[in-house]
Amino acid sequence: MKKTIAQPEYRVEAVDKALAILSAFTVAEPRLTQRQLADRTGLNQPTIYRTAGSLVRAGFLVRGEDGRFRLGSMLLKLGAVYEAAFDLGELIKPALARIVEETGETANFYVREGNERVCLFRHDGPDVWHTVRVGTRLPLDKGSPGRVILAFEGEPGEPYETIRANGVFHTPGDRDPLGAGASSPVFGADGKVVGALTVLGFRPRVEHKVHTVFTEVVMRYAEHLTRQLGGTWPFPELSAKAGE
């Protein structure tokens, strides 16, 4: 059964309704009527009218002369505050620690810099056998993290077509003959790949787990981080199967 990342259980209904209205807007549809908001949120129109009125007064929505709503400038202000306070490590590092807890192996997060991949964050497992450290630069076309980054930046051909279809890549001995791991992409709010999340171990010890445990864990946390970054996870069915 697929595990989920723990979330707070408490909720405030009025806040949920307001957030549902704000989340209904998209780049493709930045202006919506009251009826469209009702259709997209499942809320009735009187509720939309009351909640949207509060959001307009607070600057989170603007209602045009044609009666349609759009997002207000308060969200732009909050976005600037978020960007000023944002630290990617605050999201990535706890996820790496939990991956290590669940797999007993080392977890890394790689990003692209030029024609190389760089280990940006790392959390060691209890039995470390390789010497990749934070800041280490490695080829993009060797190892699962680099290949995942290349795939979701549009690299043609194989294995990149398969990686794009599956959302995960396994590399028994691809860069290091003694290593075996699995990597999955993490996406940002703009839909672009931010980096690759990886779990890696000593091949003779972990090869039997790469297509099962490693795949399930790395996809689950890649999805979690993608959503934390405001992105959309494009592999819901594959992610669910990985957790079965």
Protein backbone atom coordinates (compact mmCIF):
# COMPACT_ATOMS: atom_id res chain seq x y z
CA MET A 1 0.00 0.00 0.00
CA LYS A 2 1.30 3.46 -0.88
CA LYS A 3 2.53 5.51 2.04
CA THR A 4 1.80 9.20 2.28
CA ILE A 5 3.74 12.11 3.71
CA ALA A 6 2.24 13.13 7.04
CA GLN A 7 0.15 16.30 6.94
CA PRO A 8 -1.62 18.25 9.72
CA GLU A 9 -5.11 16.88 10.37
CA TYR A 10 -6.82 20.04 11.58
CA ARG A 11 -8.71 22.25 9.12
CA VAL A 12 -10.89 25.35 9.02
CA GLU A 13 -13.76 25.04 6.57
CA ALA A 14 -13.92 28.73 5.66
CA VAL A 15 -10.19 28.78 4.91
CA ASP A 16 -10.52 25.63 2.80
CA LYS A 17 -13.22 27.31 0.73
CA ALA A 18 -11.16 30.45 0.23
CA LEU A 19 -8.12 28.41 -0.83
CA ALA A 20 -10.25 26.36 -3.22
CA ILE A 21 -11.38 29.57 -4.93
CA LEU A 22 -7.84 30.94 -5.21
CA SER A 23 -6.58 27.60 -6.54
CA ALA A 24 -9.22 27.55 -9.29
CA PHE A 25 -7.35 30.14 -11.36
CA THR A 26 -4.76 28.98 -13.88
CA VAL A 27 -2.45 30.57 -16.40
CA ALA A 28 -4.79 29.34 -19.14
CA GLU A 29 -7.85 30.77 -17.33
CA PRO A 30 -6.77 33.77 -15.24
CA ARG A 31 -10.26 35.35 -15.17
CA LEU A 32 -13.31 33.42 -14.01
CA THR A 33 -16.99 34.16 -13.49
CA GLN A 34 -18.82 33.30 -10.29
CA ARG A 35 -20.45 30.33 -12.03
CA GLN A 36 -17.08 29.08 -13.30
CA LEU A 37 -15.69 29.29 -9.79
CA ALA A 38 -18.64 27.29 -8.52
CA ASP A 39 -18.10 24.64 -11.20
CA ARG A 40 -14.36 24.36 -10.49
CA THR A 41 -14.61 24.26 -6.69
CA GLY A 42 -17.84 22.39 -6.14
CA LEU A 43 -19.07 25.24 -3.91
CA ASN A 44 -22.52 26.73 -4.41
CA GLN A 45 -22.84 30.24 -5.78
CA PRO A 46 -23.98 31.92 -2.53
CA THR A 47 -20.85 30.54 -0.85
CA ILE A 48 -18.72 31.75 -3.75
CA TYR A 49 -20.34 35.20 -3.49
CA ARG A 50 -19.66 35.54 0.24
CA THR A 51 -16.16 34.07 0.25
CA ALA A 52 -15.05 35.92 -2.87
CA GLY A 53 -16.32 39.15 -1.31
CA SER A 54 -14.01 38.65 1.66
CA LEU A 55 -11.11 37.86 -0.66
CA VAL A 56 -11.77 41.00 -2.69
CA ARG A 57 -11.80 43.17 0.44
CA ALA A 58 -8.49 41.64 1.55
CA GLY A 59 -6.85 42.18 -1.84
CA PHE A 60 -6.59 38.52 -2.80
CA LEU A 61 -9.15 38.87 -5.60
CA VAL A 62 -10.20 41.65 -7.93
CA ARG A 63 -13.60 41.80 -9.62
CA GLY A 64 -13.63 43.50 -13.00
CA GLU A 65 -16.38 45.57 -14.57
CA ASP A 66 -17.46 42.52 -16.53
CA GLY A 67 -18.11 40.67 -13.25
CA ARG A 68 -15.24 38.24 -13.67
CA PHE A 69 -12.69 37.66 -10.93
CA ARG A 70 -8.92 37.60 -11.15
CA LEU A 71 -6.18 37.19 -8.56
CA GLY A 72 -5.28 40.33 -6.61
CA SER A 73 -2.01 42.06 -5.83
CA MET A 74 -1.84 40.67 -2.29
CA LEU A 75 -0.80 37.33 -3.79
CA LEU A 76 2.03 39.05 -5.63
CA LYS A 77 3.21 40.52 -2.34
CA LEU A 78 3.05 37.13 -0.63
CA GLY A 79 4.94 35.59 -3.54
CA ALA A 80 7.73 38.12 -3.08
CA VAL A 81 7.84 37.40 0.65
CA TYR A 82 7.97 33.66 -0.03
CA GLU A 83 10.78 34.07 -2.54
CA ALA A 84 12.78 36.22 -0.11
CA ALA A 85 12.46 33.61 2.63
CA PHE A 86 12.74 30.51 0.48
CA ASP A 87 15.56 28.07 1.10
CA LEU A 88 15.52 24.96 -1.09
CA GLY A 89 17.49 23.09 1.52
CA GLU A 90 14.69 23.47 4.06
CA LEU A 91 12.57 21.23 1.85
CA ILE A 92 15.15 18.88 0.38
CA LYS A 93 17.21 18.01 3.47
CA PRO A 94 14.33 16.62 5.60
CA ALA A 95 13.17 14.54 2.64
CA LEU A 96 16.65 13.07 2.19
CA ALA A 97 16.77 12.20 5.89
CA ARG A 98 13.43 10.38 5.69
CA ILE A 99 14.55 8.48 2.57
CA VAL A 100 17.59 7.25 4.48
CA GLU A 101 15.37 6.19 7.39
CA GLU A 102 13.13 4.18 5.06
CA THR A 103 15.80 2.59 2.85
CA GLY A 104 18.93 2.50 4.99
CA GLU A 105 20.88 3.88 2.02
CA THR A 106 22.33 7.24 0.98
CA ALA A 107 20.09 9.89 -0.59
CA ASN A 108 21.22 12.78 -2.80
CA PHE A 109 19.76 15.71 -4.68
CA TYR A 110 21.46 16.79 -7.91
CA VAL A 111 21.02 19.88 -10.05
CA ARG A 112 22.40 20.80 -13.44
CA GLU A 113 25.22 23.30 -13.81
CA GLY A 114 26.33 23.70 -17.41
CA ASN A 115 27.13 20.29 -18.84
CA GLU A 116 27.52 18.62 -15.47
CA ARG A 117 25.38 17.57 -12.53
CA VAL A 118 26.28 18.79 -9.07
CA CYS A 119 25.47 17.11 -5.76
CA LEU A 120 23.64 19.94 -4.01
CA PHE A 121 22.42 18.04 -0.93
CA ARG A 122 23.29 14.65 0.53
CA HIS A 123 22.31 12.53 3.52
CA ASP A 124 24.49 9.52 4.25
CA GLY A 125 23.12 6.11 5.02
CA PRO A 126 24.60 4.07 7.87
CA ASP A 127 26.95 2.16 5.56
CA VAL A 128 28.59 4.65 3.16
CA TRP A 129 30.72 3.03 0.49
CA HIS A 130 31.24 5.80 -2.10
CA THR A 131 32.90 9.21 -1.97
CA VAL A 132 30.47 11.57 -3.71
CA ARG A 133 30.13 14.65 -1.53
CA VAL A 134 28.19 17.90 -1.65
CA GLY A 135 29.66 19.99 -4.46
CA THR A 136 30.94 17.00 -6.45
CA ARG A 137 30.55 17.44 -10.21
CA LEU A 138 29.72 14.42 -12.35
CA PRO A 139 28.75 13.77 -16.00
CA LEU A 140 25.13 14.34 -16.98
CA ASP A 141 25.08 11.31 -19.26
CA LYS A 142 26.25 8.80 -16.66
CA GLY A 143 24.20 7.74 -13.66
CA SER A 144 20.48 8.00 -12.98
CA PRO A 145 20.37 11.62 -11.67
CA GLY A 146 21.99 13.12 -14.76
CA ARG A 147 19.94 11.04 -17.15
CA VAL A 148 16.73 12.06 -15.36
CA ILE A 149 17.66 15.74 -15.63
CA LEU A 150 18.50 15.37 -19.33
CA ALA A 151 15.25 13.50 -19.99
CA PHE A 152 13.04 16.21 -18.54
CA GLU A 153 15.00 18.94 -20.27
CA GLY A 154 14.02 17.34 -23.58
CA GLU A 155 16.97 15.13 -24.55
CA PRO A 156 15.81 12.98 -27.51
CA GLY A 157 16.10 9.23 -27.94
CA GLU A 158 16.62 6.44 -25.46
CA PRO A 159 16.81 6.00 -22.55
CA TYR A 160 15.25 9.46 -22.25
CA GLU A 161 11.91 8.62 -23.87
CA THR A 162 11.47 5.77 -21.41
CA ILE A 163 12.48 7.96 -18.47
CA ARG A 164 9.90 10.58 -19.47
CA ALA A 165 7.24 7.90 -19.67
CA ASN A 166 8.12 6.23 -16.36
CA GLY A 167 9.20 9.14 -14.16
CA VAL A 168 12.06 7.10 -12.71
CA PHE A 169 15.37 5.64 -13.88
CA HIS A 170 17.44 2.79 -12.47
CA THR A 171 21.18 2.53 -13.01
CA PRO A 172 22.85 -0.65 -11.82
CA GLY A 173 26.49 0.13 -12.60
CA ASP A 174 25.83 2.91 -15.12
CA ARG A 175 28.51 5.27 -13.78
CA ASP A 176 30.08 3.18 -11.03
CA PRO A 177 30.04 -0.61 -11.49
CA LEU A 178 29.60 -1.04 -7.74
CA GLY A 179 26.63 1.29 -7.42
CA ALA A 180 22.91 0.77 -7.95
CA GLY A 181 20.23 3.38 -7.46
CA ALA A 182 17.03 5.03 -8.63
CA SER A 183 16.31 8.67 -9.44
CA SER A 184 13.16 10.66 -10.05
CA PRO A 185 12.61 14.30 -11.13
CA VAL A 186 11.49 17.16 -8.94
CA PHE A 187 9.54 19.90 -10.73
CA GLY A 188 9.02 23.56 -9.88
CA ALA A 189 5.95 25.76 -10.21
CA ASP A 190 6.96 26.63 -13.79
CA GLY A 191 6.82 22.96 -14.80
CA LYS A 192 10.58 22.74 -15.32
CA VAL A 193 12.77 20.14 -13.67
CA VAL A 194 14.52 21.55 -10.59
CA GLY A 195 16.75 18.56 -10.00
CA ALA A 196 16.89 14.82 -9.46
CA LEU A 197 16.24 12.98 -6.22
CA THR A 198 18.32 9.82 -5.83
CA VAL A 199 18.74 6.88 -3.48
CA LEU A 200 21.91 4.85 -4.01
CA GLY A 201 23.61 1.86 -2.44
CA PHE A 202 26.30 -0.79 -2.83
CA ARG A 203 25.18 -2.86 -5.82
CA PRO A 204 25.65 -6.37 -4.38
CA ARG A 205 23.65 -5.32 -1.31
CA VAL A 206 20.78 -3.36 -2.87
CA GLU A 207 20.31 -4.42 -6.49
CA HIS A 208 17.29 -6.56 -5.61
CA LYS A 209 15.58 -3.48 -4.07
CA VAL A 210 16.20 -0.96 -6.85
CA HIS A 211 13.06 -1.73 -8.87
CA THR A 212 10.83 -2.08 -5.81
CA VAL A 213 11.71 -0.27 -2.59
CA PHE A 214 13.97 2.37 -4.14
CA THR A 215 11.48 3.13 -6.91
CA GLU A 216 8.54 3.51 -4.53
CA VAL A 217 10.40 5.72 -2.08
CA VAL A 218 12.15 8.00 -4.57
CA MET A 219 8.96 8.60 -6.58
CA ARG A 220 6.93 9.28 -3.46
CA TYR A 221 9.33 11.90 -2.16
CA ALA A 222 9.89 13.41 -5.60
CA GLU A 223 6.12 13.89 -5.83
CA HIS A 224 6.04 15.35 -2.31
CA LEU A 225 8.84 17.85 -3.07
CA THR A 226 7.28 18.78 -6.40
CA ARG A 227 4.02 19.69 -4.68
CA GLN A 228 5.90 21.56 -1.93
CA LEU A 229 7.54 23.65 -4.66
CA GLY A 230 4.19 24.44 -6.25
CA GLY A 231 4.69 22.08 -9.16
CA THR A 232 2.46 19.44 -10.72
CA TRP A 233 3.40 15.78 -10.48
CA PRO A 234 2.69 14.23 -13.90
CA PHE A 235 2.85 10.54 -12.93
CA PRO A 236 -0.06 9.86 -10.55
CA GLU A 237 -0.79 6.34 -11.82
CA LEU A 238 2.86 5.34 -11.90
CA SER A 239 3.40 6.79 -8.45
CA ALA A 240 0.44 4.81 -7.11
CA LYS A 241 1.72 1.60 -8.69
CA ALA A 242 5.14 2.17 -7.21
CA GLY A 243 3.56 2.20 -3.76
CA GLU A 244 1.52 -0.96 -4.17
